[in-house]
Amino acid sequence: MKSFFVVMLIGVLLALAGAGLFMLRKSDDGENQRSNRMARALALRVALSVALFAFILFSWFMGWVKPGGLPISP
């Protein structure tokens, strides 16, 4: 379960890095093509983030994961 969360977080970071590369790279196709690719990469990042959050909530509801928190010492 934890490995799935890590893979999803890596996917979010890769989508963010891809959007940054599209923003910085000069495109031969024109400014419109570059901004479309960047917007698509950012939309993918948002979709992955929302899906990860929803899956974490669903996992908590089903009892697959439990909140840990920090131990409080007396």
PDB file of N, CA and C in Angstrom:
ATOM      1  N   MET A   1       0.828  -1.185   0.000  1.00  0.00           N
ATOM      2  CA  MET A   1       0.000   0.000   0.000  1.00  0.00           C
ATOM      3  C   MET A   1       0.876   1.254   0.000  1.00  0.00           C
ATOM      4  N   LYS A   2       1.911   1.229   0.836  1.00  0.00           N
ATOM      5  CA  LYS A   2       2.792   2.400   0.902  1.00  0.00           C
ATOM      6  C   LYS A   2       3.540   2.604  -0.404  1.00  0.00           C
ATOM      7  N   SER A   3       3.878   1.517  -1.059  1.00  0.00           N
ATOM      8  CA  SER A   3       4.595   1.649  -2.327  1.00  0.00           C
ATOM      9  C   SER A   3       3.700   2.296  -3.388  1.00  0.00           C
ATOM     10  N   PHE A   4       2.401   2.031  -3.346  1.00  0.00           N
ATOM     11  CA  PHE A   4       1.477   2.672  -4.274  1.00  0.00           C
ATOM     12  C   PHE A   4       1.447   4.180  -4.044  1.00  0.00           C
ATOM     13  N   PHE A   5       1.436   4.586  -2.770  1.00  0.00           N
ATOM     14  CA  PHE A   5       1.447   6.010  -2.454  1.00  0.00           C
ATOM     15  C   PHE A   5       2.730   6.669  -2.949  1.00  0.00           C
ATOM     16  N   VAL A   6       3.848   5.986  -2.780  1.00  0.00           N
ATOM     17  CA  VAL A   6       5.133   6.534  -3.226  1.00  0.00           C
ATOM     18  C   VAL A   6       5.159   6.652  -4.746  1.00  0.00           C
ATOM     19  N   VAL A   7       4.651   5.642  -5.439  1.00  0.00           N
ATOM     20  CA  VAL A   7       4.622   5.681  -6.907  1.00  0.00           C
ATOM     21  C   VAL A   7       3.730   6.828  -7.390  1.00  0.00           C
ATOM     22  N   MET A   8       2.595   7.030  -6.750  1.00  0.00           N
ATOM     23  CA  MET A   8       1.716   8.131  -7.137  1.00  0.00           C
ATOM     24  C   MET A   8       2.376   9.485  -6.877  1.00  0.00           C
ATOM     25  N   LEU A   9       3.066   9.627  -5.761  1.00  0.00           N
ATOM     26  CA  LEU A   9       3.758  10.888  -5.474  1.00  0.00           C
ATOM     27  C   LEU A   9       4.878  11.144  -6.482  1.00  0.00           C
ATOM     28  N   ILE A  10       5.580  10.097  -6.878  1.00  0.00           N
ATOM     29  CA  ILE A  10       6.612  10.248  -7.906  1.00  0.00           C
ATOM     30  C   ILE A  10       5.974  10.662  -9.231  1.00  0.00           C
ATOM     31  N   GLY A  11       4.813  10.098  -9.547  1.00  0.00           N
ATOM     32  CA  GLY A  11       4.088  10.494 -10.758  1.00  0.00           C
ATOM     33  C   GLY A  11       3.685  11.961 -10.728  1.00  0.00           C
ATOM     34  N   VAL A  12       3.260  12.446  -9.565  1.00  0.00           N
ATOM     35  CA  VAL A  12       2.905  13.864  -9.421  1.00  0.00           C
ATOM     36  C   VAL A  12       4.133  14.735  -9.659  1.00  0.00           C
ATOM     37  N   LEU A  13       5.259  14.348  -9.079  1.00  0.00           N
ATOM     38  CA  LEU A  13       6.495  15.120  -9.258  1.00  0.00           C
ATOM     39  C   LEU A  13       6.979  15.089 -10.700  1.00  0.00           C
ATOM     40  N   LEU A  14       6.853  13.947 -11.360  1.00  0.00           N
ATOM     41  CA  LEU A  14       7.251  13.868 -12.767  1.00  0.00           C
ATOM     42  C   LEU A  14       6.366  14.733 -13.660  1.00  0.00           C
ATOM     43  N   ALA A  15       5.076  14.777 -13.376  1.00  0.00           N
ATOM     44  CA  ALA A  15       4.182  15.632 -14.150  1.00  0.00           C
ATOM     45  C   ALA A  15       4.524  17.104 -13.929  1.00  0.00           C
ATOM     46  N   LEU A  16       4.880  17.454 -12.701  1.00  0.00           N
ATOM     47  CA  LEU A  16       5.281  18.832 -12.418  1.00  0.00           C
ATOM     48  C   LEU A  16       6.589  19.177 -13.120  1.00  0.00           C
ATOM     49  N   ALA A  17       7.530  18.253 -13.122  1.00  0.00           N
ATOM     50  CA  ALA A  17       8.800  18.482 -13.807  1.00  0.00           C
ATOM     51  C   ALA A  17       8.584  18.594 -15.314  1.00  0.00           C
ATOM     52  N   GLY A  18       7.699  17.779 -15.851  1.00  0.00           N
ATOM     53  CA  GLY A  18       7.389  17.862 -17.280  1.00  0.00           C
ATOM     54  C   GLY A  18       6.789  19.207 -17.654  1.00  0.00           C
ATOM     55  N   ALA A  19       5.905  19.724 -16.809  1.00  0.00           N
ATOM     56  CA  ALA A  19       5.322  21.043 -17.068  1.00  0.00           C
ATOM     57  C   ALA A  19       6.405  22.119 -17.022  1.00  0.00           C
ATOM     58  N   GLY A  20       7.339  21.984 -16.095  1.00  0.00           N
ATOM     59  CA  GLY A  20       8.435  22.947 -16.023  1.00  0.00           C
ATOM     60  C   GLY A  20       9.319  22.897 -17.249  1.00  0.00           C
ATOM     61  N   LEU A  21       9.577  21.697 -17.746  1.00  0.00           N
ATOM     62  CA  LEU A  21      10.381  21.577 -18.957  1.00  0.00           C
ATOM     63  C   LEU A  21       9.668  22.177 -20.170  1.00  0.00           C
ATOM     64  N   PHE A  22       8.359  21.947 -20.268  1.00  0.00           N
ATOM     65  CA  PHE A  22       7.613  22.533 -21.373  1.00  0.00           C
ATOM     66  C   PHE A  22       7.599  24.055 -21.287  1.00  0.00           C
ATOM     67  N   MET A  23       7.607  24.574 -20.053  1.00  0.00           N
ATOM     68  CA  MET A  23       7.596  26.012 -19.878  1.00  0.00           C
ATOM     69  C   MET A  23       8.942  26.628 -20.285  1.00  0.00           C
ATOM     70  N   LEU A  24      10.034  25.944 -19.969  1.00  0.00           N
ATOM     71  CA  LEU A  24      11.360  26.495 -20.215  1.00  0.00           C
ATOM     72  C   LEU A  24      11.886  26.237 -21.618  1.00  0.00           C
ATOM     73  N   ARG A  25      11.451  25.143 -22.227  1.00  0.00           N
ATOM     74  CA  ARG A  25      11.984  24.760 -23.529  1.00  0.00           C
ATOM     75  C   ARG A  25      11.366  25.597 -24.640  1.00  0.00           C
ATOM     76  N   LYS A  26      12.196  25.974 -25.588  1.00  0.00           N
ATOM     77  CA  LYS A  26      11.677  26.680 -26.755  1.00  0.00           C
ATOM     78  C   LYS A  26      11.053  25.669 -27.698  1.00  0.00           C
ATOM     79  N   SER A  27       9.915  26.024 -28.238  1.00  0.00           N
ATOM     80  CA  SER A  27       9.199  25.112 -29.113  1.00  0.00           C
ATOM     81  C   SER A  27       9.214  25.635 -30.543  1.00  0.00           C
ATOM     82  N   ASP A  28       9.465  24.738 -31.490  1.00  0.00           N
ATOM     83  CA  ASP A  28       9.426  25.117 -32.893  1.00  0.00           C
ATOM     84  C   ASP A  28       7.990  25.254 -33.405  1.00  0.00           C
ATOM     85  N   ASP A  29       7.055  24.631 -32.688  1.00  0.00           N
ATOM     86  CA  ASP A  29       5.659  24.641 -33.119  1.00  0.00           C
ATOM     87  C   ASP A  29       4.945  25.940 -32.765  1.00  0.00           C
ATOM     88  N   GLY A  30       5.554  26.758 -31.967  1.00  0.00           N
ATOM     89  CA  GLY A  30       4.933  28.018 -31.583  1.00  0.00           C
ATOM     90  C   GLY A  30       4.573  28.041 -30.116  1.00  0.00           C
ATOM     91  N   GLU A  31       4.220  29.221 -29.671  1.00  0.00           N
ATOM     92  CA  GLU A  31       3.899  29.448 -28.258  1.00  0.00           C
ATOM     93  C   GLU A  31       2.632  28.707 -27.842  1.00  0.00           C
ATOM     94  N   ASN A  32       1.661  28.618 -28.734  1.00  0.00           N
ATOM     95  CA  ASN A  32       0.386  27.985 -28.399  1.00  0.00           C
ATOM     96  C   ASN A  32       0.567  26.492 -28.121  1.00  0.00           C
ATOM     97  N   GLN A  33       1.375  25.822 -28.926  1.00  0.00           N
ATOM     98  CA  GLN A  33       1.614  24.390 -28.730  1.00  0.00           C
ATOM     99  C   GLN A  33       2.326  24.149 -27.395  1.00  0.00           C
ATOM    100  N   ARG A  34       3.286  25.015 -27.064  1.00  0.00           N
ATOM    101  CA  ARG A  34       4.032  24.868 -25.815  1.00  0.00           C
ATOM    102  C   ARG A  34       3.116  25.059 -24.620  1.00  0.00           C
ATOM    103  N   SER A  35       2.261  26.068 -24.675  1.00  0.00           N
ATOM    104  CA  SER A  35       1.374  26.326 -23.545  1.00  0.00           C
ATOM    105  C   SER A  35       0.318  25.223 -23.412  1.00  0.00           C
ATOM    106  N   ASN A  36      -0.101  24.635 -24.531  1.00  0.00           N
ATOM    107  CA  ASN A  36      -1.052  23.518 -24.456  1.00  0.00           C
ATOM    108  C   ASN A  36      -0.425  22.313 -23.775  1.00  0.00           C
ATOM    109  N   ARG A  37       0.828  22.020 -24.106  1.00  0.00           N
ATOM    110  CA  ARG A  37       1.503  20.876 -23.485  1.00  0.00           C
ATOM    111  C   ARG A  37       1.736  21.124 -21.997  1.00  0.00           C
ATOM    112  N   MET A  38       2.099  22.358 -21.650  1.00  0.00           N
ATOM    113  CA  MET A  38       2.314  22.690 -20.251  1.00  0.00           C
ATOM    114  C   MET A  38       1.005  22.596 -19.471  1.00  0.00           C
ATOM    115  N   ALA A  39      -0.079  23.095 -20.034  1.00  0.00           N
ATOM    116  CA  ALA A  39      -1.373  23.033 -19.360  1.00  0.00           C
ATOM    117  C   ALA A  39      -1.830  21.588 -19.184  1.00  0.00           C
ATOM    118  N   ARG A  40      -1.572  20.754 -20.194  1.00  0.00           N
ATOM    119  CA  ARG A  40      -1.937  19.343 -20.099  1.00  0.00           C
ATOM    120  C   ARG A  40      -1.140  18.646 -18.987  1.00  0.00           C
ATOM    121  N   ALA A  41       0.146  18.966 -18.877  1.00  0.00           N
ATOM    122  CA  ALA A  41       0.985  18.363 -17.834  1.00  0.00           C
ATOM    123  C   ALA A  41       0.534  18.821 -16.446  1.00  0.00           C
ATOM    124  N   LEU A  42       0.173  20.097 -16.312  1.00  0.00           N
ATOM    125  CA  LEU A  42      -0.305  20.586 -15.017  1.00  0.00           C
ATOM    126  C   LEU A  42      -1.668  19.995 -14.670  1.00  0.00           C
ATOM    127  N   ALA A  43      -2.520  19.804 -15.669  1.00  0.00           N
ATOM    128  CA  ALA A  43      -3.816  19.168 -15.425  1.00  0.00           C
ATOM    129  C   ALA A  43      -3.629  17.716 -14.984  1.00  0.00           C
ATOM    130  N   LEU A  44      -2.655  17.038 -15.572  1.00  0.00           N
ATOM    131  CA  LEU A  44      -2.353  15.670 -15.157  1.00  0.00           C
ATOM    132  C   LEU A  44      -1.871  15.639 -13.709  1.00  0.00           C
ATOM    133  N   ARG A  45      -1.051  16.623 -13.329  1.00  0.00           N
ATOM    134  CA  ARG A  45      -0.558  16.693 -11.951  1.00  0.00           C
ATOM    135  C   ARG A  45      -1.706  16.886 -10.980  1.00  0.00           C
ATOM    136  N   VAL A  46      -2.633  17.773 -11.313  1.00  0.00           N
ATOM    137  CA  VAL A  46      -3.774  18.011 -10.439  1.00  0.00           C
ATOM    138  C   VAL A  46      -4.652  16.763 -10.358  1.00  0.00           C
ATOM    139  N   ALA A  47      -4.867  16.098 -11.475  1.00  0.00           N
ATOM    140  CA  ALA A  47      -5.687  14.883 -11.480  1.00  0.00           C
ATOM    141  C   ALA A  47      -5.043  13.780 -10.642  1.00  0.00           C
ATOM    142  N   LEU A  48      -3.737  13.613 -10.761  1.00  0.00           N
ATOM    143  CA  LEU A  48      -3.045  12.606  -9.956  1.00  0.00           C
ATOM    144  C   LEU A  48      -3.113  12.944  -8.469  1.00  0.00           C
ATOM    145  N   SER A  49      -2.980  14.219  -8.144  1.00  0.00           N
ATOM    146  CA  SER A  49      -3.039  14.632  -6.740  1.00  0.00           C
ATOM    147  C   SER A  49      -4.420  14.386  -6.142  1.00  0.00           C
ATOM    148  N   VAL A  50      -5.455  14.722  -6.891  1.00  0.00           N
ATOM    149  CA  VAL A  50      -6.824  14.508  -6.408  1.00  0.00           C
ATOM    150  C   VAL A  50      -7.114  13.015  -6.288  1.00  0.00           C
ATOM    151  N   ALA A  51      -6.666  12.231  -7.253  1.00  0.00           N
ATOM    152  CA  ALA A  51      -6.884  10.778  -7.195  1.00  0.00           C
ATOM    153  C   ALA A  51      -6.151  10.165  -6.009  1.00  0.00           C
ATOM    154  N   LEU A  52      -4.934  10.624  -5.748  1.00  0.00           N
ATOM    155  CA  LEU A  52      -4.176  10.115  -4.600  1.00  0.00           C
ATOM    156  C   LEU A  52      -4.880  10.474  -3.302  1.00  0.00           C
ATOM    157  N   PHE A  53      -5.334  11.700  -3.169  1.00  0.00           N
ATOM    158  CA  PHE A  53      -6.039  12.118  -1.957  1.00  0.00           C
ATOM    159  C   PHE A  53      -7.314  11.307  -1.763  1.00  0.00           C
ATOM    160  N   ALA A  54      -8.084  11.112  -2.834  1.00  0.00           N
ATOM    161  CA  ALA A  54      -9.313  10.334  -2.737  1.00  0.00           C
ATOM    162  C   ALA A  54      -9.022   8.880  -2.373  1.00  0.00           C
ATOM    163  N   PHE A  55      -7.934   8.326  -2.932  1.00  0.00           N
ATOM    164  CA  PHE A  55      -7.594   6.947  -2.600  1.00  0.00           C
ATOM    165  C   PHE A  55      -7.130   6.806  -1.153  1.00  0.00           C
ATOM    166  N   ILE A  56      -6.417   7.802  -0.639  1.00  0.00           N
ATOM    167  CA  ILE A  56      -6.006   7.766   0.768  1.00  0.00           C
ATOM    168  C   ILE A  56      -7.229   7.820   1.677  1.00  0.00           C
ATOM    169  N   LEU A  57      -8.188   8.685   1.355  1.00  0.00           N
ATOM    170  CA  LEU A  57      -9.414   8.746   2.157  1.00  0.00           C
ATOM    171  C   LEU A  57     -10.200   7.437   2.074  1.00  0.00           C
ATOM    172  N   PHE A  58     -10.288   6.867   0.885  1.00  0.00           N
ATOM    173  CA  PHE A  58     -10.986   5.596   0.718  1.00  0.00           C
ATOM    174  C   PHE A  58     -10.287   4.478   1.489  1.00  0.00           C
ATOM    175  N   SER A  59      -8.956   4.476   1.446  1.00  0.00           N
ATOM    176  CA  SER A  59      -8.194   3.461   2.181  1.00  0.00           C
ATOM    177  C   SER A  59      -8.406   3.596   3.680  1.00  0.00           C
ATOM    178  N   TRP A  60      -8.464   4.814   4.162  1.00  0.00           N
ATOM    179  CA  TRP A  60      -8.705   5.042   5.580  1.00  0.00           C
ATOM    180  C   TRP A  60     -10.114   4.577   5.964  1.00  0.00           C
ATOM    181  N   PHE A  61     -11.101   4.875   5.100  1.00  0.00           N
ATOM    182  CA  PHE A  61     -12.479   4.468   5.347  1.00  0.00           C
ATOM    183  C   PHE A  61     -12.598   2.946   5.373  1.00  0.00           C
ATOM    184  N   MET A  62     -11.887   2.253   4.482  1.00  0.00           N
ATOM    185  CA  MET A  62     -11.956   0.796   4.424  1.00  0.00           C
ATOM    186  C   MET A  62     -11.124   0.121   5.507  1.00  0.00           C
ATOM    187  N   GLY A  63     -10.260   0.878   6.177  1.00  0.00           N
ATOM    188  CA  GLY A  63      -9.440   0.318   7.243  1.00  0.00           C
ATOM    189  C   GLY A  63      -8.120  -0.251   6.761  1.00  0.00           C
ATOM    190  N   TRP A  64      -7.735   0.050   5.531  1.00  0.00           N
ATOM    191  CA  TRP A  64      -6.479  -0.465   4.983  1.00  0.00           C
ATOM    192  C   TRP A  64      -5.283   0.275   5.554  1.00  0.00           C
ATOM    193  N   VAL A  65      -5.458   1.547   5.859  1.00  0.00           N
ATOM    194  CA  VAL A  65      -4.406   2.342   6.475  1.00  0.00           C
ATOM    195  C   VAL A  65      -4.969   2.965   7.740  1.00  0.00           C
ATOM    196  N   LYS A  66      -4.100   3.167   8.712  1.00  0.00           N
ATOM    197  CA  LYS A  66      -4.503   3.765   9.976  1.00  0.00           C
ATOM    198  C   LYS A  66      -3.648   4.999  10.219  1.00  0.00           C
ATOM    199  N   PRO A  67      -4.244   6.056  10.764  1.00  0.00           N
ATOM    200  CA  PRO A  67      -3.436   7.228  11.079  1.00  0.00           C
ATOM    201  C   PRO A  67      -2.454   6.894  12.218  1.00  0.00           C
ATOM    202  N   GLY A  68      -1.223   7.317  12.039  1.00  0.00           N
ATOM    203  CA  GLY A  68      -0.200   6.994  13.032  1.00  0.00           C
ATOM    204  C   GLY A  68       0.005   8.117  14.025  1.00  0.00           C
ATOM    205  N   GLY A  69       0.343   9.286  13.500  1.00  0.00           N
ATOM    206  CA  GLY A  69       0.601  10.407  14.379  1.00  0.00           C
ATOM    207  C   GLY A  69       1.916  10.260  15.118  1.00  0.00           C
ATOM    208  N   LEU A  70       2.253  11.254  15.863  1.00  0.00           N
ATOM    209  CA  LEU A  70       3.469  11.225  16.668  1.00  0.00           C
ATOM    210  C   LEU A  70       3.144  10.724  18.059  1.00  0.00           C
ATOM    211  N   PRO A  71       4.010   9.877  18.616  1.00  0.00           N
ATOM    212  CA  PRO A  71       3.752   9.411  19.989  1.00  0.00           C
ATOM    213  C   PRO A  71       3.951  10.558  20.970  1.00  0.00           C
ATOM    214  N   ILE A  72       3.053  10.656  21.909  1.00  0.00           N
ATOM    215  CA  ILE A  72       3.127  11.700  22.943  1.00  0.00           C
ATOM    216  C   ILE A  72       3.675  11.052  24.198  1.00  0.00           C
ATOM    217  N   SER A  73       4.808  11.545  24.651  1.00  0.00           N
ATOM    218  CA  SER A  73       5.394  10.978  25.878  1.00  0.00           C
ATOM    219  C   SER A  73       4.926  11.796  27.078  1.00  0.00           C
ATOM    220  N   PRO A  74       4.660  11.103  28.205  1.00  0.00           N
ATOM    221  CA  PRO A  74       4.142  11.817  29.409  1.00  0.00           C
ATOM    222  C   PRO A  74       5.178  12.639  30.098  1.00  0.00           C
TER     223      PRO A  74
END
